[in-house]
N, C-alpha and C. Protein backbone atom coordinates (compact mmCIF):
# COMPACT_ATOMS: atom_id res chain seq x y z
N MET A 1 0.81 -1.18 0.00
CA MET A 1 0.00 0.00 0.00
C MET A 1 0.88 1.26 0.00
N GLU A 2 1.95 1.20 0.74
CA GLU A 2 2.86 2.32 0.77
C GLU A 2 3.44 2.60 -0.61
N GLU A 3 3.68 1.56 -1.33
CA GLU A 3 4.22 1.74 -2.68
C GLU A 3 3.23 2.48 -3.57
N VAL A 4 1.99 2.17 -3.39
CA VAL A 4 0.96 2.83 -4.18
C VAL A 4 0.91 4.33 -3.82
N ARG A 5 1.02 4.61 -2.49
CA ARG A 5 1.01 6.01 -2.06
C ARG A 5 2.24 6.74 -2.60
N LEU A 6 3.39 6.08 -2.55
CA LEU A 6 4.60 6.68 -3.08
C LEU A 6 4.47 6.93 -4.59
N GLU A 7 3.94 5.93 -5.23
CA GLU A 7 3.73 6.06 -6.69
C GLU A 7 2.75 7.20 -6.96
N ASN A 8 1.71 7.30 -6.15
CA ASN A 8 0.72 8.35 -6.30
C ASN A 8 1.37 9.72 -6.08
N LEU A 9 2.21 9.86 -5.07
CA LEU A 9 2.90 11.12 -4.80
C LEU A 9 3.83 11.49 -5.96
N ARG A 10 4.51 10.48 -6.49
CA ARG A 10 5.38 10.72 -7.64
C ARG A 10 4.57 11.24 -8.83
N HIS A 11 3.45 10.60 -9.03
CA HIS A 11 2.58 11.01 -10.15
C HIS A 11 2.06 12.44 -9.93
N LEU A 12 1.72 12.75 -8.69
CA LEU A 12 1.23 14.09 -8.39
C LEU A 12 2.32 15.14 -8.64
N ARG A 13 3.57 14.79 -8.23
CA ARG A 13 4.68 15.71 -8.48
C ARG A 13 4.90 15.87 -10.00
N LEU A 14 4.82 14.76 -10.69
CA LEU A 14 4.98 14.78 -12.14
C LEU A 14 3.89 15.62 -12.80
N VAL A 15 2.65 15.46 -12.32
CA VAL A 15 1.54 16.23 -12.85
C VAL A 15 1.76 17.72 -12.59
N ASP A 16 2.19 18.06 -11.37
CA ASP A 16 2.47 19.46 -11.05
C ASP A 16 3.58 20.02 -11.95
N LYS A 17 4.62 19.21 -12.10
CA LYS A 17 5.74 19.64 -12.95
C LYS A 17 5.27 19.86 -14.39
N LEU A 18 4.44 18.93 -14.90
CA LEU A 18 3.94 19.06 -16.28
C LEU A 18 3.00 20.27 -16.42
N LYS A 19 2.23 20.55 -15.36
CA LYS A 19 1.35 21.72 -15.39
C LYS A 19 2.18 23.00 -15.46
N GLU A 20 3.26 23.04 -14.69
CA GLU A 20 4.13 24.21 -14.73
C GLU A 20 4.77 24.38 -16.11
N GLU A 21 5.24 23.28 -16.66
CA GLU A 21 5.84 23.33 -18.00
C GLU A 21 4.82 23.79 -19.03
N THR A 22 3.59 23.28 -18.91
CA THR A 22 2.52 23.66 -19.84
C THR A 22 2.23 25.15 -19.72
N ALA A 23 2.17 25.66 -18.49
CA ALA A 23 1.90 27.07 -18.29
C ALA A 23 3.04 27.91 -18.87
N THR A 24 4.27 27.48 -18.65
CA THR A 24 5.42 28.20 -19.20
C THR A 24 5.39 28.20 -20.72
N LEU A 25 5.08 27.05 -21.30
CA LEU A 25 5.01 26.95 -22.76
C LEU A 25 3.87 27.80 -23.33
N LYS A 26 2.76 27.89 -22.62
CA LYS A 26 1.65 28.73 -23.07
C LYS A 26 2.08 30.21 -23.10
N VAL A 27 2.77 30.63 -22.05
CA VAL A 27 3.24 32.01 -21.99
C VAL A 27 4.22 32.27 -23.13
N THR A 28 5.12 31.32 -23.37
CA THR A 28 6.10 31.47 -24.45
C THR A 28 5.39 31.55 -25.80
N CYS A 29 4.40 30.68 -26.01
CA CYS A 29 3.64 30.70 -27.27
C CYS A 29 2.91 32.04 -27.45
N GLU A 30 2.32 32.53 -26.39
CA GLU A 30 1.62 33.81 -26.47
C GLU A 30 2.59 34.94 -26.81
N ARG A 31 3.78 34.90 -26.21
CA ARG A 31 4.79 35.92 -26.50
C ARG A 31 5.20 35.87 -27.97
N TYR A 32 5.41 34.64 -28.48
CA TYR A 32 5.78 34.51 -29.89
C TYR A 32 4.65 34.94 -30.81
N GLU A 33 3.42 34.64 -30.45
CA GLU A 33 2.29 35.07 -31.26
C GLU A 33 2.18 36.60 -31.28
N THR A 34 2.42 37.22 -30.13
CA THR A 34 2.40 38.69 -30.05
C THR A 34 3.51 39.28 -30.92
N MET A 35 4.71 38.71 -30.83
CA MET A 35 5.83 39.19 -31.64
C MET A 35 5.52 39.01 -33.12
N SER A 36 4.91 37.89 -33.47
CA SER A 36 4.56 37.63 -34.87
C SER A 36 3.54 38.65 -35.37
N THR A 37 2.54 38.93 -34.56
CA THR A 37 1.52 39.90 -34.93
C THR A 37 2.13 41.29 -35.10
N LEU A 38 2.99 41.67 -34.18
CA LEU A 38 3.64 42.98 -34.28
C LEU A 38 4.53 43.06 -35.52
N SER A 39 5.22 41.99 -35.83
CA SER A 39 6.07 41.96 -37.02
C SER A 39 5.23 42.09 -38.28
N GLU A 40 4.11 41.39 -38.34
CA GLU A 40 3.23 41.48 -39.50
C GLU A 40 2.69 42.89 -39.66
N GLU A 41 2.27 43.52 -38.56
CA GLU A 41 1.76 44.88 -38.62
C GLU A 41 2.84 45.85 -39.09
N SER A 42 4.05 45.66 -38.59
CA SER A 42 5.16 46.51 -39.00
C SER A 42 5.45 46.34 -40.49
N LEU A 43 5.43 45.11 -40.96
CA LEU A 43 5.67 44.83 -42.37
C LEU A 43 4.61 45.51 -43.24
N ILE A 44 3.37 45.40 -42.86
CA ILE A 44 2.29 46.03 -43.62
C ILE A 44 2.45 47.54 -43.63
N SER A 45 2.80 48.11 -42.48
CA SER A 45 3.01 49.56 -42.38
C SER A 45 4.15 49.99 -43.29
N GLN A 46 5.24 49.25 -43.31
CA GLN A 46 6.38 49.59 -44.16
C GLN A 46 6.01 49.48 -45.63
N GLN A 47 5.24 48.45 -45.98
CA GLN A 47 4.81 48.30 -47.37
C GLN A 47 3.93 49.46 -47.80
N GLN A 48 3.02 49.87 -46.94
CA GLN A 48 2.15 51.01 -47.26
C GLN A 48 2.97 52.29 -47.43
N ARG A 49 3.93 52.50 -46.54
CA ARG A 49 4.78 53.68 -46.62
C ARG A 49 5.59 53.66 -47.92
N HIS A 50 6.10 52.49 -48.27
CA HIS A 50 6.87 52.35 -49.51
C HIS A 50 5.99 52.67 -50.73
N GLU A 51 4.77 52.16 -50.74
CA GLU A 51 3.85 52.42 -51.85
C GLU A 51 3.52 53.91 -51.95
N MET A 52 3.32 54.56 -50.81
CA MET A 52 3.02 55.99 -50.81
C MET A 52 4.21 56.78 -51.36
N GLU A 53 5.41 56.42 -50.95
CA GLU A 53 6.61 57.11 -51.44
C GLU A 53 6.78 56.89 -52.94
N ALA A 54 6.51 55.66 -53.40
CA ALA A 54 6.63 55.37 -54.83
C ALA A 54 5.64 56.22 -55.62
N LEU A 55 4.41 56.33 -55.14
CA LEU A 55 3.42 57.16 -55.82
C LEU A 55 3.84 58.63 -55.82
N SER A 56 4.39 59.08 -54.71
CA SER A 56 4.85 60.46 -54.63
C SER A 56 5.97 60.72 -55.63
N TRP A 57 6.92 59.80 -55.73
CA TRP A 57 8.03 59.96 -56.69
C TRP A 57 7.51 59.95 -58.12
N GLU A 58 6.55 59.08 -58.41
CA GLU A 58 6.00 59.02 -59.76
C GLU A 58 5.30 60.33 -60.12
N LYS A 59 4.57 60.89 -59.14
CA LYS A 59 3.89 62.17 -59.38
C LYS A 59 4.92 63.27 -59.61
N ARG A 60 5.97 63.28 -58.80
CA ARG A 60 7.03 64.28 -58.97
C ARG A 60 7.67 64.16 -60.34
N GLU A 61 7.93 62.93 -60.75
CA GLU A 61 8.55 62.71 -62.06
C GLU A 61 7.64 63.23 -63.17
N ALA A 62 6.35 62.93 -63.08
CA ALA A 62 5.40 63.40 -64.09
C ALA A 62 5.35 64.93 -64.11
N ASP A 63 5.36 65.55 -62.93
CA ASP A 63 5.35 67.02 -62.87
C ASP A 63 6.60 67.60 -63.51
N LEU A 64 7.75 66.99 -63.23
CA LEU A 64 9.00 67.48 -63.82
C LEU A 64 9.00 67.31 -65.34
N GLU A 65 8.47 66.19 -65.81
CA GLU A 65 8.40 65.98 -67.26
C GLU A 65 7.49 67.01 -67.91
N ASP A 66 6.36 67.33 -67.26
CA ASP A 66 5.46 68.36 -67.79
C ASP A 66 6.16 69.72 -67.85
N THR A 67 6.90 70.03 -66.80
CA THR A 67 7.62 71.31 -66.77
C THR A 67 8.65 71.37 -67.88
N ILE A 68 9.37 70.28 -68.07
CA ILE A 68 10.38 70.23 -69.15
C ILE A 68 9.70 70.43 -70.51
N GLN A 69 8.57 69.78 -70.72
CA GLN A 69 7.85 69.93 -71.99
C GLN A 69 7.39 71.37 -72.19
N GLN A 70 6.91 72.01 -71.13
CA GLN A 70 6.47 73.40 -71.24
C GLN A 70 7.65 74.30 -71.61
N LEU A 71 8.78 74.07 -70.96
CA LEU A 71 9.97 74.88 -71.27
C LEU A 71 10.44 74.64 -72.70
N GLN A 72 10.38 73.41 -73.16
CA GLN A 72 10.80 73.11 -74.53
C GLN A 72 9.86 73.78 -75.53
N ARG A 73 8.56 73.75 -75.25
CA ARG A 73 7.60 74.41 -76.15
C ARG A 73 7.85 75.92 -76.18
N ALA A 74 8.12 76.51 -75.03
CA ALA A 74 8.40 77.95 -74.98
C ALA A 74 9.67 78.27 -75.76
N GLN A 75 10.67 77.43 -75.61
CA GLN A 75 11.92 77.64 -76.34
C GLN A 75 11.68 77.54 -77.85
N GLU A 76 10.88 76.56 -78.26
CA GLU A 76 10.57 76.41 -79.69
C GLU A 76 9.83 77.63 -80.22
N ARG A 77 8.87 78.15 -79.43
CA ARG A 77 8.13 79.34 -79.86
C ARG A 77 9.07 80.54 -80.01
N MET A 78 9.99 80.68 -79.08
CA MET A 78 10.92 81.79 -79.15
C MET A 78 11.83 81.65 -80.37
N LEU A 79 12.30 80.45 -80.62
CA LEU A 79 13.16 80.25 -81.79
C LEU A 79 12.39 80.51 -83.07
N GLN A 80 11.14 80.09 -83.11
CA GLN A 80 10.32 80.32 -84.29
C GLN A 80 10.10 81.82 -84.50
N SER A 81 9.80 82.53 -83.43
CA SER A 81 9.62 83.98 -83.53
C SER A 81 10.90 84.66 -83.99
N ALA A 82 12.02 84.23 -83.44
CA ALA A 82 13.30 84.82 -83.84
C ALA A 82 13.58 84.55 -85.31
N ASN A 83 13.29 83.34 -85.77
CA ASN A 83 13.50 83.01 -87.19
C ASN A 83 12.58 83.82 -88.09
N GLU A 84 11.32 83.98 -87.69
CA GLU A 84 10.39 84.77 -88.49
C GLU A 84 10.82 86.23 -88.55
N LEU A 85 11.28 86.73 -87.42
CA LEU A 85 11.73 88.12 -87.40
C LEU A 85 12.96 88.30 -88.26
N ALA A 86 13.86 87.36 -88.20
CA ALA A 86 15.09 87.47 -88.99
C ALA A 86 14.80 87.34 -90.47
N SER A 87 13.84 86.51 -90.84
CA SER A 87 13.55 86.30 -92.25
C SER A 87 12.72 87.42 -92.85
N SER A 88 12.02 88.18 -91.99
CA SER A 88 11.24 89.30 -92.53
C SER A 88 12.16 90.46 -92.87
N GLY A 89 11.70 91.33 -93.69
CA GLY A 89 12.52 92.44 -94.16
C GLY A 89 12.46 93.66 -93.28
N HIS A 90 12.11 93.52 -92.01
CA HIS A 90 11.97 94.67 -91.13
C HIS A 90 13.30 95.29 -90.71
N LEU A 91 14.38 94.69 -91.05
CA LEU A 91 15.68 95.23 -90.64
C LEU A 91 16.21 96.27 -91.63
N VAL A 92 15.63 96.32 -92.81
CA VAL A 92 16.11 97.25 -93.85
C VAL A 92 15.25 98.51 -93.82
N PRO A 93 15.87 99.69 -93.70
CA PRO A 93 15.08 100.94 -93.70
C PRO A 93 14.47 101.22 -95.07
N ASP A 94 13.55 102.12 -95.07
CA ASP A 94 12.85 102.51 -96.31
C ASP A 94 13.86 103.17 -97.26
N PRO A 95 14.03 102.58 -98.46
CA PRO A 95 15.02 103.14 -99.40
C PRO A 95 14.64 104.50 -99.95
N SER A 96 13.37 104.89 -99.89
CA SER A 96 12.97 106.18 -100.45
C SER A 96 13.26 107.34 -99.49
N ALA A 97 13.59 107.03 -98.23
CA ALA A 97 13.88 108.08 -97.24
C ALA A 97 15.30 108.61 -97.47
N PRO A 98 15.58 109.81 -96.96
CA PRO A 98 16.94 110.35 -97.09
C PRO A 98 17.96 109.42 -96.42
N VAL A 99 19.17 109.47 -96.85
CA VAL A 99 20.23 108.57 -96.38
C VAL A 99 20.45 108.75 -94.88
N ALA A 100 20.45 109.97 -94.39
CA ALA A 100 20.64 110.20 -92.95
C ALA A 100 19.54 109.53 -92.15
N SER A 101 18.32 109.66 -92.64
CA SER A 101 17.18 109.03 -91.97
C SER A 101 17.30 107.51 -92.03
N GLN A 102 17.72 106.99 -93.18
CA GLN A 102 17.91 105.54 -93.32
C GLN A 102 18.95 105.05 -92.32
N LEU A 103 20.05 105.81 -92.20
CA LEU A 103 21.10 105.41 -91.26
C LEU A 103 20.60 105.44 -89.82
N GLU A 104 19.86 106.49 -89.47
CA GLU A 104 19.31 106.56 -88.11
C GLU A 104 18.36 105.40 -87.84
N GLN A 105 17.49 105.10 -88.80
CA GLN A 105 16.56 103.97 -88.65
C GLN A 105 17.31 102.65 -88.53
N ALA A 106 18.32 102.48 -89.36
CA ALA A 106 19.09 101.24 -89.35
C ALA A 106 19.80 101.06 -88.00
N VAL A 107 20.45 102.13 -87.53
CA VAL A 107 21.16 102.05 -86.23
C VAL A 107 20.17 101.78 -85.11
N SER A 108 19.05 102.49 -85.12
CA SER A 108 18.03 102.30 -84.09
C SER A 108 17.51 100.86 -84.09
N ARG A 109 17.20 100.35 -85.28
CA ARG A 109 16.70 98.97 -85.38
C ARG A 109 17.76 97.96 -84.97
N LEU A 110 18.99 98.24 -85.34
CA LEU A 110 20.07 97.33 -84.96
C LEU A 110 20.24 97.30 -83.44
N LYS A 111 20.14 98.46 -82.80
CA LYS A 111 20.24 98.51 -81.34
C LYS A 111 19.09 97.75 -80.69
N GLN A 112 17.87 97.96 -81.24
CA GLN A 112 16.72 97.25 -80.71
C GLN A 112 16.87 95.74 -80.88
N GLN A 113 17.32 95.35 -82.05
CA GLN A 113 17.49 93.92 -82.32
C GLN A 113 18.61 93.32 -81.44
N ALA A 114 19.68 94.08 -81.24
CA ALA A 114 20.77 93.60 -80.38
C ALA A 114 20.27 93.43 -78.96
N LEU A 115 19.51 94.40 -78.48
CA LEU A 115 18.94 94.31 -77.14
C LEU A 115 17.99 93.12 -77.03
N ARG A 116 17.16 92.99 -78.05
CA ARG A 116 16.21 91.88 -78.05
C ARG A 116 16.94 90.54 -78.10
N CYS A 117 17.98 90.46 -78.93
CA CYS A 117 18.77 89.22 -79.03
C CYS A 117 19.43 88.89 -77.70
N ALA A 118 19.96 89.90 -77.04
CA ALA A 118 20.60 89.68 -75.74
C ALA A 118 19.58 89.19 -74.72
N THR A 119 18.40 89.83 -74.72
CA THR A 119 17.34 89.42 -73.81
C THR A 119 16.91 87.99 -74.09
N LEU A 120 16.68 87.68 -75.36
CA LEU A 120 16.28 86.33 -75.74
C LEU A 120 17.36 85.32 -75.40
N SER A 121 18.60 85.70 -75.64
CA SER A 121 19.71 84.80 -75.33
C SER A 121 19.78 84.52 -73.83
N ASP A 122 19.63 85.57 -73.03
CA ASP A 122 19.63 85.38 -71.58
C ASP A 122 18.48 84.50 -71.13
N GLN A 123 17.32 84.75 -71.72
CA GLN A 123 16.14 83.98 -71.37
C GLN A 123 16.32 82.51 -71.78
N CYS A 124 16.87 82.30 -72.96
CA CYS A 124 17.13 80.92 -73.42
C CYS A 124 18.14 80.23 -72.50
N ALA A 125 19.17 80.95 -72.10
CA ALA A 125 20.18 80.37 -71.22
C ALA A 125 19.55 80.01 -69.88
N GLN A 126 18.70 80.88 -69.39
CA GLN A 126 18.03 80.61 -68.12
C GLN A 126 17.13 79.38 -68.25
N TRP A 127 16.38 79.30 -69.31
CA TRP A 127 15.50 78.15 -69.52
C TRP A 127 16.31 76.88 -69.70
N LYS A 128 17.44 76.99 -70.38
CA LYS A 128 18.28 75.82 -70.57
C LYS A 128 18.80 75.33 -69.23
N LYS A 129 19.20 76.26 -68.34
CA LYS A 129 19.65 75.87 -67.01
C LYS A 129 18.52 75.19 -66.24
N GLU A 130 17.33 75.77 -66.32
CA GLU A 130 16.17 75.18 -65.64
C GLU A 130 15.88 73.79 -66.20
N LYS A 131 15.95 73.67 -67.52
CA LYS A 131 15.70 72.38 -68.16
C LYS A 131 16.73 71.36 -67.72
N ASP A 132 18.01 71.75 -67.71
CA ASP A 132 19.08 70.85 -67.28
C ASP A 132 18.88 70.42 -65.83
N ALA A 133 18.51 71.39 -64.98
CA ALA A 133 18.28 71.08 -63.56
C ALA A 133 17.12 70.11 -63.41
N LEU A 134 16.06 70.33 -64.17
CA LEU A 134 14.90 69.43 -64.10
C LEU A 134 15.24 68.05 -64.63
N GLU A 135 16.03 68.01 -65.70
CA GLU A 135 16.42 66.70 -66.23
C GLU A 135 17.32 65.97 -65.25
N GLN A 136 18.16 66.71 -64.56
CA GLN A 136 19.03 66.09 -63.56
C GLN A 136 18.18 65.55 -62.41
N ARG A 137 17.21 66.34 -61.95
CA ARG A 137 16.32 65.87 -60.88
C ARG A 137 15.52 64.67 -61.34
N LYS A 138 15.11 64.68 -62.59
CA LYS A 138 14.35 63.54 -63.12
C LYS A 138 15.23 62.31 -63.12
N GLY A 139 16.51 62.46 -63.54
CA GLY A 139 17.43 61.35 -63.52
C GLY A 139 17.65 60.81 -62.11
N GLU A 140 17.74 61.72 -61.14
CA GLU A 140 17.90 61.30 -59.75
C GLU A 140 16.68 60.55 -59.28
N LEU A 141 15.50 61.00 -59.70
CA LEU A 141 14.26 60.34 -59.29
C LEU A 141 14.14 58.96 -59.89
N GLU A 142 14.65 58.80 -61.09
CA GLU A 142 14.56 57.49 -61.76
C GLU A 142 15.48 56.48 -61.10
N GLN A 143 16.49 56.95 -60.42
CA GLN A 143 17.40 56.03 -59.75
C GLN A 143 16.74 55.57 -58.52
């Protein structure tokens, strides 16, 4: 009978020990489940942030391309106007006017044209710089 009691006590100790191990394992499992859930939430948050940044970069790129196109169209219009002006006969004074008047008109028109050419040249250089800067930013965005 004593053996049965001893065996029973051993079993009770074993049961207690197994209950403690089970409780410890449950806590460990819960901790891992919590860590897994937090990791999944973090991953989803990072993916959403990445998608938002990608959309933002794509919008920026599209805006820069539109700006470049606008600048190119403006440059083309200016070149076309300059070509039309150069091809027209407005640079030659009226031949029926006195020579002194013709010379004054010619000098005046030449000064105006030189000023206009300088202004257009400066404007073209400025637009070219802007275009180059935008193209460089576009290249950076594409990387």
